[in-house]
N, C-alpha and C. Protein backbone atom coordinates (compact mmCIF):
# COMPACT_ATOMS: atom_id res chain seq x y z
N MET A 1 47.38 187.40 85.32
CA MET A 1 45.96 187.69 85.37
C MET A 1 45.35 187.49 83.99
N ARG A 2 44.19 186.87 83.96
CA ARG A 2 43.52 186.64 82.69
C ARG A 2 42.61 187.81 82.36
N HIS A 3 42.52 188.13 81.08
CA HIS A 3 41.72 189.27 80.67
C HIS A 3 40.64 188.90 79.68
N ARG A 4 40.52 187.63 79.33
CA ARG A 4 39.47 187.18 78.39
C ARG A 4 38.72 186.02 79.03
N LEU A 5 37.40 186.17 79.10
CA LEU A 5 36.55 185.16 79.72
C LEU A 5 35.48 184.75 78.71
N VAL A 6 35.56 183.53 78.22
CA VAL A 6 34.62 182.99 77.26
C VAL A 6 33.56 182.19 78.03
N THR A 7 32.30 182.39 77.66
CA THR A 7 31.22 181.72 78.37
C THR A 7 30.43 180.79 77.46
N ILE A 8 29.91 179.74 78.07
CA ILE A 8 28.97 178.82 77.42
C ILE A 8 27.69 178.90 78.24
N VAL A 9 26.57 179.21 77.58
CA VAL A 9 25.28 179.37 78.26
C VAL A 9 24.22 178.58 77.50
N GLU A 10 23.03 178.49 78.08
CA GLU A 10 22.00 177.69 77.43
C GLU A 10 20.83 178.48 76.86
N GLY A 11 20.47 179.60 77.42
CA GLY A 11 19.25 180.28 77.00
C GLY A 11 19.50 181.51 76.16
N HIS A 12 18.48 181.90 75.40
CA HIS A 12 18.57 183.12 74.60
C HIS A 12 18.77 184.34 75.51
N GLY A 13 18.06 184.38 76.63
CA GLY A 13 18.20 185.49 77.57
C GLY A 13 19.61 185.59 78.13
N GLU A 14 20.23 184.45 78.39
CA GLU A 14 21.58 184.44 78.95
C GLU A 14 22.64 184.97 77.97
N VAL A 15 22.37 184.87 76.68
CA VAL A 15 23.34 185.38 75.69
C VAL A 15 23.58 186.87 75.93
N GLN A 16 22.54 187.61 76.28
CA GLN A 16 22.72 189.03 76.60
C GLN A 16 23.03 189.24 78.07
N SER A 17 22.40 188.47 78.93
CA SER A 17 22.48 188.71 80.37
C SER A 17 23.82 188.34 80.99
N VAL A 18 24.40 187.22 80.57
CA VAL A 18 25.63 186.75 81.22
C VAL A 18 26.80 187.73 81.01
N PRO A 19 27.07 188.21 79.80
CA PRO A 19 28.15 189.21 79.69
C PRO A 19 27.87 190.46 80.53
N LEU A 20 26.62 190.90 80.56
CA LEU A 20 26.25 192.05 81.36
C LEU A 20 26.52 191.78 82.84
N LEU A 21 26.11 190.61 83.31
CA LEU A 21 26.33 190.25 84.71
C LEU A 21 27.83 190.19 85.03
N LEU A 22 28.60 189.53 84.17
CA LEU A 22 30.03 189.39 84.43
C LEU A 22 30.75 190.74 84.39
N ARG A 23 30.31 191.64 83.52
CA ARG A 23 30.91 192.99 83.50
C ARG A 23 30.59 193.74 84.79
N ARG A 24 29.36 193.59 85.28
CA ARG A 24 28.99 194.21 86.55
C ARG A 24 29.83 193.63 87.69
N MET A 25 30.02 192.31 87.67
CA MET A 25 30.84 191.67 88.70
C MET A 25 32.29 192.15 88.61
N ALA A 26 32.80 192.30 87.39
CA ALA A 26 34.17 192.79 87.21
C ALA A 26 34.32 194.20 87.77
N GLU A 27 33.33 195.07 87.53
CA GLU A 27 33.38 196.43 88.07
C GLU A 27 33.37 196.41 89.60
N LEU A 28 32.60 195.48 90.16
CA LEU A 28 32.49 195.39 91.62
C LEU A 28 33.75 194.81 92.25
N PHE A 29 34.24 193.69 91.69
CA PHE A 29 35.36 192.98 92.30
C PHE A 29 36.73 193.45 91.81
N TYR A 30 36.79 193.99 90.59
CA TYR A 30 38.06 194.41 89.98
C TYR A 30 37.90 195.79 89.35
N PRO A 31 37.61 196.82 90.15
CA PRO A 31 37.38 198.14 89.57
C PRO A 31 38.59 198.62 88.76
N GLY A 32 38.30 199.14 87.58
CA GLY A 32 39.35 199.67 86.73
C GLY A 32 40.04 198.65 85.86
N ARG A 33 39.74 197.38 86.05
CA ARG A 33 40.39 196.34 85.25
C ARG A 33 39.51 195.95 84.06
N TYR A 34 40.09 195.93 82.87
CA TYR A 34 39.34 195.55 81.68
C TYR A 34 39.34 194.03 81.54
N ILE A 35 38.15 193.47 81.32
CA ILE A 35 38.03 192.04 81.06
C ILE A 35 37.21 191.88 79.79
N ASP A 36 37.78 191.21 78.81
CA ASP A 36 37.12 190.96 77.54
C ASP A 36 36.17 189.78 77.70
N ILE A 37 34.89 190.05 77.50
CA ILE A 37 33.86 189.01 77.63
C ILE A 37 33.10 188.98 76.31
N PRO A 38 33.53 188.10 75.39
CA PRO A 38 32.85 188.05 74.09
C PRO A 38 31.45 187.44 74.20
N ARG A 39 30.70 187.55 73.11
CA ARG A 39 29.35 186.97 73.05
C ARG A 39 29.42 185.49 73.43
N PRO A 40 28.53 185.04 74.32
CA PRO A 40 28.56 183.64 74.75
C PRO A 40 28.28 182.65 73.62
N ILE A 41 28.75 181.46 73.83
CA ILE A 41 28.40 180.32 72.98
C ILE A 41 27.13 179.73 73.58
N ARG A 42 26.06 179.68 72.78
CA ARG A 42 24.79 179.14 73.28
C ARG A 42 24.65 177.68 72.89
N VAL A 43 24.30 176.86 73.87
CA VAL A 43 24.14 175.43 73.63
C VAL A 43 22.77 174.97 74.11
N GLY A 44 22.32 173.85 73.59
CA GLY A 44 21.16 173.16 74.14
C GLY A 44 21.64 172.39 75.36
N ARG A 45 21.09 172.68 76.52
CA ARG A 45 21.58 172.10 77.78
C ARG A 45 21.68 170.58 77.72
N ASP A 46 20.60 169.92 77.37
CA ASP A 46 20.58 168.46 77.40
C ASP A 46 21.54 167.86 76.38
N LYS A 47 21.55 168.42 75.19
CA LYS A 47 22.47 167.90 74.17
C LYS A 47 23.91 168.12 74.60
N PHE A 48 24.21 169.29 75.15
CA PHE A 48 25.56 169.60 75.61
C PHE A 48 25.99 168.62 76.70
N LEU A 49 25.11 168.37 77.65
CA LEU A 49 25.48 167.51 78.78
C LEU A 49 25.49 166.02 78.45
N HIS A 50 24.68 165.59 77.47
CA HIS A 50 24.51 164.16 77.24
C HIS A 50 25.11 163.64 75.93
N ASP A 51 25.53 164.52 75.06
CA ASP A 51 26.14 164.11 73.79
C ASP A 51 27.63 164.46 73.85
N THR A 52 28.45 163.45 74.06
CA THR A 52 29.89 163.68 74.26
C THR A 52 30.52 164.44 73.11
N ARG A 53 30.11 164.12 71.90
CA ARG A 53 30.68 164.82 70.75
C ARG A 53 30.34 166.31 70.76
N GLU A 54 29.09 166.61 71.09
CA GLU A 54 28.66 168.02 71.18
C GLU A 54 29.37 168.72 72.33
N PHE A 55 29.49 168.06 73.45
CA PHE A 55 30.19 168.60 74.62
C PHE A 55 31.62 168.98 74.24
N ASN A 56 32.33 168.05 73.62
CA ASN A 56 33.73 168.29 73.24
C ASN A 56 33.83 169.38 72.17
N ARG A 57 32.89 169.39 71.24
CA ARG A 57 32.91 170.38 70.16
C ARG A 57 32.75 171.80 70.71
N GLN A 58 31.80 171.99 71.59
CA GLN A 58 31.55 173.32 72.14
C GLN A 58 32.70 173.78 73.05
N LEU A 59 33.26 172.85 73.81
CA LEU A 59 34.39 173.22 74.66
C LEU A 59 35.63 173.56 73.83
N THR A 60 35.84 172.83 72.75
CA THR A 60 36.96 173.11 71.86
C THR A 60 36.80 174.49 71.23
N LEU A 61 35.58 174.84 70.84
CA LEU A 61 35.31 176.17 70.31
C LEU A 61 35.59 177.24 71.36
N ALA A 62 35.14 177.01 72.58
CA ALA A 62 35.37 177.97 73.66
C ALA A 62 36.86 178.15 73.92
N ALA A 63 37.60 177.04 73.92
CA ALA A 63 39.04 177.11 74.16
C ALA A 63 39.74 177.90 73.05
N ALA A 64 39.29 177.72 71.81
CA ALA A 64 39.88 178.47 70.70
C ALA A 64 39.61 179.97 70.86
N LYS A 65 38.41 180.32 71.32
CA LYS A 65 38.07 181.73 71.54
C LYS A 65 38.84 182.32 72.72
N ALA A 66 39.17 181.46 73.69
CA ALA A 66 39.87 181.93 74.89
C ALA A 66 41.38 182.03 74.68
N ALA A 67 41.91 181.33 73.70
CA ALA A 67 43.35 181.26 73.49
C ALA A 67 43.94 182.65 73.25
N PRO A 68 45.17 182.87 73.66
CA PRO A 68 46.09 181.90 74.24
C PRO A 68 46.08 181.85 75.76
N SER A 69 45.53 182.88 76.43
CA SER A 69 45.65 182.89 77.89
C SER A 69 44.34 183.22 78.59
N GLY A 70 43.22 182.99 77.93
CA GLY A 70 41.93 183.27 78.54
C GLY A 70 41.41 182.09 79.35
N CYS A 71 40.16 182.18 79.75
CA CYS A 71 39.54 181.14 80.56
C CYS A 71 38.09 180.97 80.13
N ILE A 72 37.45 179.93 80.65
CA ILE A 72 36.10 179.56 80.24
C ILE A 72 35.20 179.41 81.46
N LEU A 73 33.98 179.90 81.31
CA LEU A 73 32.94 179.70 82.32
C LEU A 73 31.74 179.06 81.65
N VAL A 74 31.35 177.88 82.12
CA VAL A 74 30.14 177.20 81.65
C VAL A 74 29.06 177.50 82.68
N LEU A 75 27.98 178.15 82.24
CA LEU A 75 26.91 178.55 83.15
C LEU A 75 25.58 178.01 82.62
N LEU A 76 25.02 177.05 83.36
CA LEU A 76 23.78 176.40 82.96
C LEU A 76 22.79 176.42 84.12
N ASP A 77 21.51 176.19 83.81
CA ASP A 77 20.51 176.00 84.86
C ASP A 77 20.59 174.55 85.33
N ALA A 78 20.45 174.36 86.64
CA ALA A 78 20.44 172.99 87.17
C ALA A 78 19.10 172.32 86.89
N ASP A 79 18.04 173.10 86.72
CA ASP A 79 16.69 172.57 86.56
C ASP A 79 16.39 171.63 87.73
N ASP A 80 16.02 170.39 87.47
CA ASP A 80 15.70 169.46 88.56
C ASP A 80 16.89 168.65 89.03
N ASP A 81 18.04 168.85 88.41
CA ASP A 81 19.25 168.15 88.85
C ASP A 81 19.82 168.82 90.10
N CYS A 82 20.54 168.06 90.88
CA CYS A 82 21.19 168.60 92.07
C CYS A 82 22.49 169.27 91.64
N PRO A 83 22.62 170.58 91.83
CA PRO A 83 23.85 171.26 91.41
C PRO A 83 25.10 170.71 92.10
N ALA A 84 24.94 170.24 93.34
CA ALA A 84 26.09 169.72 94.08
C ALA A 84 26.59 168.40 93.49
N GLN A 85 25.78 167.72 92.69
CA GLN A 85 26.21 166.49 92.03
C GLN A 85 26.57 166.74 90.57
N LEU A 86 25.64 167.37 89.84
CA LEU A 86 25.88 167.59 88.41
C LEU A 86 27.03 168.56 88.16
N GLY A 87 27.17 169.56 89.01
CA GLY A 87 28.25 170.55 88.84
C GLY A 87 29.63 169.90 88.86
N PRO A 88 29.99 169.18 89.93
CA PRO A 88 31.31 168.54 89.96
C PRO A 88 31.50 167.49 88.86
N GLN A 89 30.45 166.75 88.51
CA GLN A 89 30.57 165.78 87.41
C GLN A 89 30.90 166.49 86.10
N THR A 90 30.21 167.58 85.84
CA THR A 90 30.45 168.33 84.61
C THR A 90 31.82 169.00 84.65
N GLN A 91 32.20 169.50 85.82
CA GLN A 91 33.52 170.12 85.97
C GLN A 91 34.63 169.11 85.65
N GLU A 92 34.47 167.89 86.13
CA GLU A 92 35.46 166.85 85.86
C GLU A 92 35.57 166.56 84.36
N ARG A 93 34.43 166.49 83.69
CA ARG A 93 34.44 166.26 82.24
C ARG A 93 35.11 167.42 81.50
N VAL A 94 34.83 168.64 81.93
CA VAL A 94 35.44 169.82 81.30
C VAL A 94 36.96 169.77 81.50
N THR A 95 37.40 169.47 82.70
CA THR A 95 38.83 169.41 83.00
C THR A 95 39.52 168.32 82.18
N GLN A 96 38.86 167.18 82.01
CA GLN A 96 39.43 166.10 81.19
C GLN A 96 39.51 166.51 79.73
N THR A 97 38.51 167.23 79.25
CA THR A 97 38.48 167.65 77.85
C THR A 97 39.48 168.77 77.58
N LEU A 98 39.62 169.70 78.52
CA LEU A 98 40.52 170.85 78.36
C LEU A 98 41.49 170.95 79.54
N PRO A 99 42.44 170.02 79.62
CA PRO A 99 43.31 170.00 80.80
C PRO A 99 44.20 171.24 80.95
N ARG A 100 44.45 171.97 79.86
CA ARG A 100 45.36 173.12 79.93
C ARG A 100 44.65 174.46 79.95
N CYS A 101 43.35 174.45 79.83
CA CYS A 101 42.59 175.71 79.79
C CYS A 101 41.80 175.87 81.08
N PRO A 102 42.04 176.93 81.83
CA PRO A 102 41.28 177.15 83.06
C PRO A 102 39.79 177.30 82.75
N ALA A 103 38.98 176.50 83.41
CA ALA A 103 37.54 176.52 83.16
C ALA A 103 36.80 176.17 84.44
N ARG A 104 35.62 176.77 84.60
CA ARG A 104 34.76 176.47 85.74
C ARG A 104 33.35 176.23 85.24
N VAL A 105 32.63 175.41 85.99
CA VAL A 105 31.24 175.10 85.71
C VAL A 105 30.40 175.60 86.88
N VAL A 106 29.38 176.40 86.56
CA VAL A 106 28.45 176.90 87.58
C VAL A 106 27.04 176.55 87.12
N LEU A 107 26.27 175.97 88.03
CA LEU A 107 24.87 175.67 87.76
C LEU A 107 24.00 176.55 88.65
N ALA A 108 23.19 177.38 88.03
CA ALA A 108 22.22 178.15 88.79
C ALA A 108 21.23 177.17 89.40
N HIS A 109 21.01 177.28 90.70
CA HIS A 109 20.05 176.36 91.34
C HIS A 109 18.69 176.59 90.73
N ARG A 110 18.20 175.57 90.07
CA ARG A 110 16.95 175.60 89.30
C ARG A 110 17.13 176.44 88.03
N GLU A 111 17.10 177.80 88.17
CA GLU A 111 17.17 178.67 86.99
C GLU A 111 17.96 179.94 87.30
N PHE A 112 18.47 180.56 86.27
CA PHE A 112 19.18 181.84 86.37
C PHE A 112 18.33 182.84 87.17
N GLU A 113 17.03 182.83 86.93
CA GLU A 113 16.12 183.78 87.57
C GLU A 113 16.04 183.61 89.08
N SER A 114 16.50 182.49 89.62
CA SER A 114 16.51 182.32 91.08
C SER A 114 17.42 183.37 91.73
N TRP A 115 18.40 183.85 90.96
CA TRP A 115 19.29 184.90 91.49
C TRP A 115 18.54 186.22 91.62
N PHE A 116 17.58 186.47 90.75
CA PHE A 116 16.75 187.66 90.89
C PHE A 116 15.89 187.56 92.15
N ILE A 117 15.38 186.35 92.40
CA ILE A 117 14.56 186.14 93.59
C ILE A 117 15.39 186.38 94.85
N ALA A 118 16.64 185.93 94.84
CA ALA A 118 17.52 186.12 96.00
C ALA A 118 17.72 187.60 96.32
N ALA A 119 17.72 188.43 95.29
CA ALA A 119 17.93 189.88 95.48
C ALA A 119 16.66 190.65 95.15
N ALA A 120 15.50 190.03 95.37
CA ALA A 120 14.23 190.62 94.97
C ALA A 120 14.02 192.02 95.53
N ASP A 121 14.47 192.25 96.74
CA ASP A 121 14.28 193.56 97.37
C ASP A 121 14.87 194.68 96.50
N SER A 122 15.98 194.39 95.84
CA SER A 122 16.65 195.40 95.02
C SER A 122 15.93 195.65 93.70
N LEU A 123 14.97 194.80 93.37
CA LEU A 123 14.20 194.95 92.13
C LEU A 123 12.81 195.53 92.38
N ALA A 124 12.48 195.82 93.62
CA ALA A 124 11.15 196.33 93.98
C ALA A 124 10.85 197.60 93.18
N GLY A 125 9.68 197.60 92.55
CA GLY A 125 9.24 198.76 91.79
C GLY A 125 9.83 198.87 90.39
N PHE A 126 10.68 197.94 90.02
CA PHE A 126 11.36 197.98 88.71
C PHE A 126 10.62 197.10 87.72
N ARG A 127 10.39 197.59 86.52
CA ARG A 127 9.74 196.84 85.42
C ARG A 127 8.41 196.20 85.82
N GLY A 128 7.64 196.95 86.60
CA GLY A 128 6.31 196.46 86.97
C GLY A 128 6.28 195.56 88.18
N LEU A 129 7.43 195.29 88.79
CA LEU A 129 7.43 194.48 90.01
C LEU A 129 6.86 195.31 91.16
N PRO A 130 6.20 194.68 92.13
CA PRO A 130 5.60 195.43 93.23
C PRO A 130 6.63 196.24 94.01
N ALA A 131 6.22 197.39 94.49
CA ALA A 131 7.12 198.27 95.25
C ALA A 131 7.51 197.67 96.59
N ASP A 132 6.70 196.73 97.08
CA ASP A 132 6.99 196.10 98.38
C ASP A 132 7.57 194.69 98.22
N LEU A 133 8.15 194.41 97.07
CA LEU A 133 8.70 193.08 96.78
C LEU A 133 9.83 192.73 97.75
N ILE A 134 9.75 191.54 98.32
CA ILE A 134 10.84 191.05 99.18
C ILE A 134 11.12 189.60 98.80
N ALA A 135 12.34 189.19 99.06
CA ALA A 135 12.75 187.83 98.75
C ALA A 135 12.16 186.85 99.75
N PRO A 136 11.79 185.66 99.29
CA PRO A 136 11.34 184.64 100.24
C PRO A 136 12.51 184.17 101.10
N ALA A 137 12.19 183.49 102.18
CA ALA A 137 13.23 183.02 103.10
C ALA A 137 14.25 182.12 102.41
N ASP A 138 13.80 181.25 101.52
CA ASP A 138 14.70 180.37 100.78
C ASP A 138 14.52 180.63 99.28
N PRO A 139 15.26 181.59 98.74
CA PRO A 139 15.03 182.01 97.36
C PRO A 139 15.32 180.94 96.32
N GLU A 140 16.10 179.94 96.66
CA GLU A 140 16.43 178.89 95.69
C GLU A 140 15.44 177.72 95.73
N ARG A 141 14.46 177.80 96.57
CA ARG A 141 13.52 176.70 96.71
C ARG A 141 12.52 176.61 95.56
N SER A 142 12.16 177.75 95.00
CA SER A 142 11.15 177.78 93.95
C SER A 142 11.63 177.02 92.72
N ARG A 143 10.82 176.07 92.26
CA ARG A 143 11.16 175.28 91.06
C ARG A 143 11.02 176.14 89.81
N ASP A 144 10.07 177.04 89.83
CA ASP A 144 9.77 177.85 88.65
C ASP A 144 10.08 179.31 88.94
N ALA A 145 11.37 179.64 88.92
CA ALA A 145 11.80 181.01 89.22
C ALA A 145 11.25 181.99 88.17
N LYS A 146 11.23 181.58 86.91
CA LYS A 146 10.65 182.44 85.87
C LYS A 146 9.18 182.73 86.18
N GLY A 147 8.47 181.71 86.62
CA GLY A 147 7.06 181.88 86.98
C GLY A 147 6.89 182.80 88.18
N TRP A 148 7.77 182.68 89.16
CA TRP A 148 7.71 183.53 90.35
C TRP A 148 7.84 184.99 89.94
N ILE A 149 8.82 185.27 89.10
CA ILE A 149 9.03 186.64 88.61
C ILE A 149 7.83 187.07 87.76
N GLY A 150 7.40 186.20 86.85
CA GLY A 150 6.30 186.52 85.95
C GLY A 150 5.00 186.82 86.67
N GLN A 151 4.71 186.08 87.74
CA GLN A 151 3.49 186.33 88.52
C GLN A 151 3.51 187.73 89.13
N ARG A 152 4.67 188.18 89.49
CA ARG A 152 4.78 189.47 90.14
C ARG A 152 4.91 190.62 89.15
N MET A 153 5.41 190.32 87.94
CA MET A 153 5.53 191.35 86.90
C MET A 153 4.26 191.44 86.07
N GLY A 154 3.51 190.37 86.03
CA GLY A 154 2.36 190.29 85.14
C GLY A 154 2.70 189.53 83.88
N ASN A 155 3.94 189.57 83.49
CA ASN A 155 4.43 188.85 82.31
C ASN A 155 5.95 188.86 82.38
N TYR A 156 6.58 187.81 81.92
CA TYR A 156 8.04 187.76 81.94
C TYR A 156 8.52 187.15 80.62
N ASP A 157 9.36 187.88 79.93
CA ASP A 157 9.97 187.41 78.68
C ASP A 157 11.47 187.42 78.90
N SER A 158 12.09 186.25 78.97
CA SER A 158 13.51 186.18 79.31
C SER A 158 14.40 186.94 78.32
N ARG A 159 14.00 187.02 77.07
CA ARG A 159 14.84 187.72 76.08
C ARG A 159 14.90 189.22 76.34
N VAL A 160 13.83 189.76 76.91
CA VAL A 160 13.76 191.21 77.15
C VAL A 160 13.99 191.55 78.62
N ASP A 161 13.31 190.82 79.50
CA ASP A 161 13.33 191.16 80.92
C ASP A 161 14.59 190.67 81.63
N GLN A 162 15.12 189.53 81.21
CA GLN A 162 16.30 189.01 81.91
C GLN A 162 17.48 189.98 81.85
N PRO A 163 17.83 190.53 80.68
CA PRO A 163 18.93 191.51 80.66
C PRO A 163 18.63 192.75 81.51
N ALA A 164 17.37 193.21 81.48
CA ALA A 164 17.02 194.40 82.27
C ALA A 164 17.17 194.13 83.76
N LEU A 165 16.66 192.99 84.22
CA LEU A 165 16.78 192.64 85.64
C LEU A 165 18.24 192.38 86.02
N THR A 166 19.00 191.81 85.09
CA THR A 166 20.43 191.56 85.34
C THR A 166 21.17 192.87 85.55
N SER A 167 20.77 193.91 84.85
CA SER A 167 21.45 195.20 84.98
C SER A 167 21.15 195.88 86.31
N ARG A 168 20.16 195.38 87.03
CA ARG A 168 19.67 196.09 88.20
C ARG A 168 19.83 195.35 89.54
N PHE A 169 19.75 194.00 89.52
CA PHE A 169 19.69 193.29 90.81
C PHE A 169 20.99 193.46 91.60
N ASP A 170 20.86 193.41 92.91
CA ASP A 170 21.98 193.64 93.82
C ASP A 170 22.86 192.39 93.90
N ILE A 171 24.06 192.49 93.36
CA ILE A 171 24.99 191.35 93.30
C ILE A 171 25.41 190.91 94.70
N VAL A 172 25.67 191.84 95.56
CA VAL A 172 26.11 191.52 96.92
C VAL A 172 25.00 190.80 97.68
N LEU A 173 23.77 191.27 97.53
CA LEU A 173 22.64 190.64 98.19
C LEU A 173 22.42 189.22 97.64
N ALA A 174 22.50 189.06 96.34
CA ALA A 174 22.34 187.73 95.73
C ALA A 174 23.44 186.78 96.21
N GLU A 175 24.66 187.29 96.30
CA GLU A 175 25.77 186.46 96.77
C GLU A 175 25.53 186.00 98.21
N PHE A 176 24.98 186.87 99.03
CA PHE A 176 24.71 186.54 100.43
C PHE A 176 23.60 185.50 100.57
N ARG A 177 22.56 185.60 99.72
CA ARG A 177 21.37 184.77 99.89
C ARG A 177 21.33 183.50 99.04
N SER A 178 22.18 183.40 98.05
CA SER A 178 22.09 182.27 97.12
C SER A 178 23.41 181.51 97.05
N ARG A 179 23.36 180.24 97.40
CA ARG A 179 24.59 179.42 97.34
C ARG A 179 25.13 179.31 95.92
N SER A 180 24.23 179.12 94.95
CA SER A 180 24.72 178.96 93.58
C SER A 180 25.30 180.27 93.04
N PHE A 181 24.74 181.40 93.45
CA PHE A 181 25.33 182.68 93.02
C PHE A 181 26.65 182.93 93.73
N ARG A 182 26.74 182.50 94.98
CA ARG A 182 28.01 182.59 95.71
C ARG A 182 29.09 181.79 94.99
N LYS A 183 28.72 180.62 94.47
CA LYS A 183 29.68 179.80 93.71
C LYS A 183 30.10 180.53 92.44
N LEU A 184 29.14 181.17 91.76
CA LEU A 184 29.50 181.93 90.57
C LEU A 184 30.53 183.00 90.92
N CYS A 185 30.28 183.75 91.97
CA CYS A 185 31.21 184.81 92.37
C CYS A 185 32.58 184.25 92.72
N SER A 186 32.60 183.15 93.45
CA SER A 186 33.86 182.51 93.83
C SER A 186 34.62 182.01 92.60
N ASP A 187 33.93 181.33 91.69
CA ASP A 187 34.58 180.80 90.50
C ASP A 187 35.05 181.93 89.58
N PHE A 188 34.27 182.97 89.48
CA PHE A 188 34.65 184.15 88.68
C PHE A 188 35.98 184.71 89.19
N ARG A 189 36.06 184.89 90.51
CA ARG A 189 37.29 185.42 91.11
C ARG A 189 38.47 184.46 90.89
N SER A 190 38.23 183.16 91.06
CA SER A 190 39.34 182.22 90.92
C SER A 190 39.86 182.18 89.49
N LEU A 191 38.97 182.29 88.51
CA LEU A 191 39.41 182.31 87.12
C LEU A 191 40.25 183.56 86.82
N LEU A 192 39.79 184.68 87.31
CA LEU A 192 40.48 185.94 86.97
C LEU A 192 41.71 186.20 87.82
N ASP A 193 41.80 185.56 88.98
CA ASP A 193 42.98 185.75 89.85
C ASP A 193 44.11 184.80 89.51
N ALA A 194 43.81 183.73 88.79
CA ALA A 194 44.83 182.71 88.52
C ALA A 194 45.98 183.28 87.70
């Protein structure tokens, strides 16, 4: 069983939010088990994905932080790319770069905040969100998930609000309603069970 999970993320909000989310998932899926989740490595999404030297450099850094028996999770926003295409392509590149280090790539459909939309009901009345907030039928459809949240909060600052919402949203509900969050949960389990 692996006990160290190193992450690569793209946004300032994710630097705080992703470790918080993964610790919550660990408590839910592996109660009582300690998992070391150090501060994420933050990258520029486009440079990371399109500059081979930068891609290899950041993965090598992550592998060094994960050594000797840890694993790596790359978590990026899909934005306008299709996660079903970009995800496997990026996963293949990661596997070629780090053939001996267990690693997974997860792309949030559109944006990290789409997972909040998937579990919107659990955030009703929190941080200025309406008390009658409910998730739309297709929570991953919105192109501007940050905007969706912001319209309902009155203002949204990912550096402050993303960690707060991450600490509160219902993981089980998000897993049920969001394919990309379901993939995160599945990959998280596969990394830690290996």
